[in-house]
Amino acid sequence: MFEKWITADWSEIPWVIFSAVVAYAAILLYTRIVGLRSLSKMSAADFVMTVAVGSLFASTTSLAAPSLVIGLVALASLYAGQWALAWLRRQFNFVSRVVDNQPLLLMCGRTILD
């Protein structure tokens, strides 16, 4: 059992590298299309997006399931959802109030606000 944990079939390694490169390129492309806000972590939805992208990237590159194509489609779906949420935020104030966190002022100049 220990041997299965530390070894790999050498024929799988090029496919892992290929999947990682393609998935990483897709993440860069999707981020360029949708915008950097998709990974900004300014709201709970943005944080969830970042975690989900990382999870999908890891599972797509290191596991047999999901396949590369399914992983790319899932990533595209996440980015499409993030874009739709950003559009809804701009169109409807109540969506922004529900999704976005309110900023908290911690300092004013050199003064720490308790």
Foldseek 3Di string as FASTA:
>chain_A
DVCVVPDDDVVCVVVLVVLLVVLVVLVVVLCVVLHVQCCPPQWPLSVVSNVVSVVLSVCQRPHPPPDSVVSSVVNNVSSVVVSVLVVCVVVDVVSCVVTGDDDDDQDDVPRGDD
